[in-house]
Amino acid sequence: NNILTSTIPLTIYYLSQLTNLQLSYNKFSSTIPYTLGYCSNLILFSFNNNKLTGQIPVEMSQLINLKEFNIGNNKILEFLGNNSLELYTTHLLFLFGLNKLI
């Protein structure tokens, strides 16, 4: 709730010990960077109520510790391929409301 306006940097993978990334209710207007898939300790990703666009990178399927993925109320257009979805469904809470998933 800080009205931050920027993009999520590609260099986010430098935060190798990152476990929780909560930046909801801001104005981030980029795509989700593929490098986020290299943050192997990530448990919570919450970017709901921003202006994220594009698709969810397939690299996100590498986040085996991820428990909650909240991107509700953004402009995400496409989900991961079916094979990657199978990796997620046993251990992850998805929150996708108010997007334009195809």
Protein backbone atom coordinates (compact mmCIF):
# COMPACT_ATOMS: atom_id res chain seq x y z
CA ASN A 1 0.00 0.00 0.00
CA ASN A 2 2.81 2.39 -0.79
CA ILE A 3 1.87 3.35 -4.36
CA LEU A 4 5.28 2.19 -5.57
CA THR A 5 5.65 2.64 -9.31
CA SER A 6 8.39 0.68 -10.98
CA THR A 7 9.19 -2.66 -12.51
CA ILE A 8 10.33 -5.83 -10.78
CA PRO A 9 14.08 -5.88 -11.55
CA LEU A 10 15.68 -8.82 -13.33
CA THR A 11 18.36 -8.78 -10.64
CA ILE A 12 15.86 -9.98 -8.03
CA TYR A 13 17.54 -13.40 -8.12
CA TYR A 14 20.45 -11.86 -6.19
CA LEU A 15 18.17 -12.09 -3.14
CA SER A 16 18.85 -15.79 -2.82
CA GLN A 17 17.57 -16.03 0.77
CA LEU A 18 14.31 -14.21 0.01
CA THR A 19 11.31 -16.11 1.42
CA ASN A 20 8.44 -13.58 1.34
CA LEU A 21 7.85 -10.98 -1.33
CA GLN A 22 4.75 -8.94 -0.59
CA LEU A 23 4.25 -5.79 -2.62
CA SER A 24 0.49 -5.73 -3.04
CA TYR A 25 -1.57 -2.58 -3.65
CA ASN A 26 1.06 -0.65 -5.55
CA LYS A 27 1.47 0.30 -9.19
CA PHE A 28 4.08 -2.13 -10.47
CA SER A 29 3.55 -2.26 -14.22
CA SER A 30 5.98 -4.80 -15.59
CA THR A 31 5.92 -8.47 -16.33
CA ILE A 32 6.95 -11.01 -13.72
CA PRO A 33 10.69 -11.46 -14.43
CA TYR A 34 11.82 -14.97 -15.31
CA THR A 35 14.70 -14.56 -12.85
CA LEU A 36 12.22 -14.79 -9.98
CA GLY A 37 12.23 -18.52 -10.71
CA TYR A 38 15.77 -18.65 -9.34
CA CYS A 39 14.73 -17.43 -5.86
CA SER A 40 14.60 -21.00 -4.63
CA ASN A 41 13.68 -20.14 -1.02
CA LEU A 42 10.59 -18.14 -1.98
CA ILE A 43 7.50 -19.24 -0.04
CA LEU A 44 5.13 -16.31 -0.62
CA PHE A 45 4.76 -14.12 -3.71
CA SER A 46 2.02 -11.53 -3.31
CA PHE A 47 1.65 -8.82 -5.94
CA ASN A 48 -2.13 -8.51 -6.04
CA ASN A 49 -3.66 -5.18 -7.00
CA ASN A 50 -0.84 -3.90 -9.19
CA LYS A 51 -0.60 -3.52 -12.97
CA LEU A 52 1.48 -6.59 -13.84
CA THR A 53 1.12 -7.71 -17.45
CA GLY A 54 2.15 -10.52 -19.74
CA GLN A 55 2.45 -14.13 -18.75
CA ILE A 56 3.69 -16.06 -15.76
CA PRO A 57 7.21 -17.26 -16.62
CA VAL A 58 7.73 -20.99 -16.90
CA GLU A 59 10.76 -20.61 -14.60
CA MET A 60 8.29 -20.13 -11.73
CA SER A 61 7.76 -23.90 -11.86
CA GLN A 62 11.21 -24.27 -10.26
CA LEU A 63 9.97 -22.71 -7.00
CA ILE A 64 9.25 -25.92 -5.14
CA ASN A 65 8.97 -24.16 -1.75
CA LEU A 66 6.35 -21.68 -2.96
CA LYS A 67 3.12 -21.98 -0.95
CA GLU A 68 1.14 -18.90 -1.98
CA PHE A 69 1.16 -17.10 -5.33
CA ASN A 70 -1.17 -14.10 -5.33
CA ILE A 71 -1.42 -12.03 -8.50
CA GLY A 72 -5.11 -11.16 -8.28
CA ASN A 73 -6.33 -7.94 -9.90
CA ASN A 74 -3.52 -7.40 -12.39
CA LYS A 75 -3.37 -7.65 -16.18
CA ILE A 76 -1.82 -11.10 -16.47
CA LEU A 77 -2.86 -12.65 -19.76
CA GLU A 78 -1.44 -16.14 -19.80
CA PHE A 79 -0.72 -18.92 -17.34
CA LEU A 80 2.12 -21.43 -17.49
CA GLY A 81 1.99 -24.39 -19.84
CA ASN A 82 0.07 -27.47 -18.70
CA ASN A 83 3.22 -29.41 -17.79
CA SER A 84 4.36 -26.73 -15.37
CA LEU A 85 0.92 -26.49 -13.82
CA GLU A 86 1.15 -30.12 -12.79
CA LEU A 87 4.21 -29.29 -10.69
CA TYR A 88 2.30 -26.66 -8.76
CA THR A 89 -1.07 -28.14 -7.97
CA THR A 90 -0.07 -30.32 -5.04
CA HIS A 91 1.46 -27.64 -2.83
CA LEU A 92 0.43 -24.16 -3.86
CA LEU A 93 -2.41 -21.76 -3.22
CA PHE A 94 -3.16 -19.81 -6.40
CA LEU A 95 -4.99 -16.49 -6.23
CA PHE A 96 -5.67 -15.16 -9.74
CA GLY A 97 -8.94 -13.22 -9.46
CA LEU A 98 -9.65 -10.30 -11.79
CA ASN A 99 -7.06 -11.09 -14.46
CA LYS A 100 -7.52 -11.91 -18.13
CA LEU A 101 -6.05 -15.41 -18.17
CA ILE A 102 -6.27 -17.30 -21.45
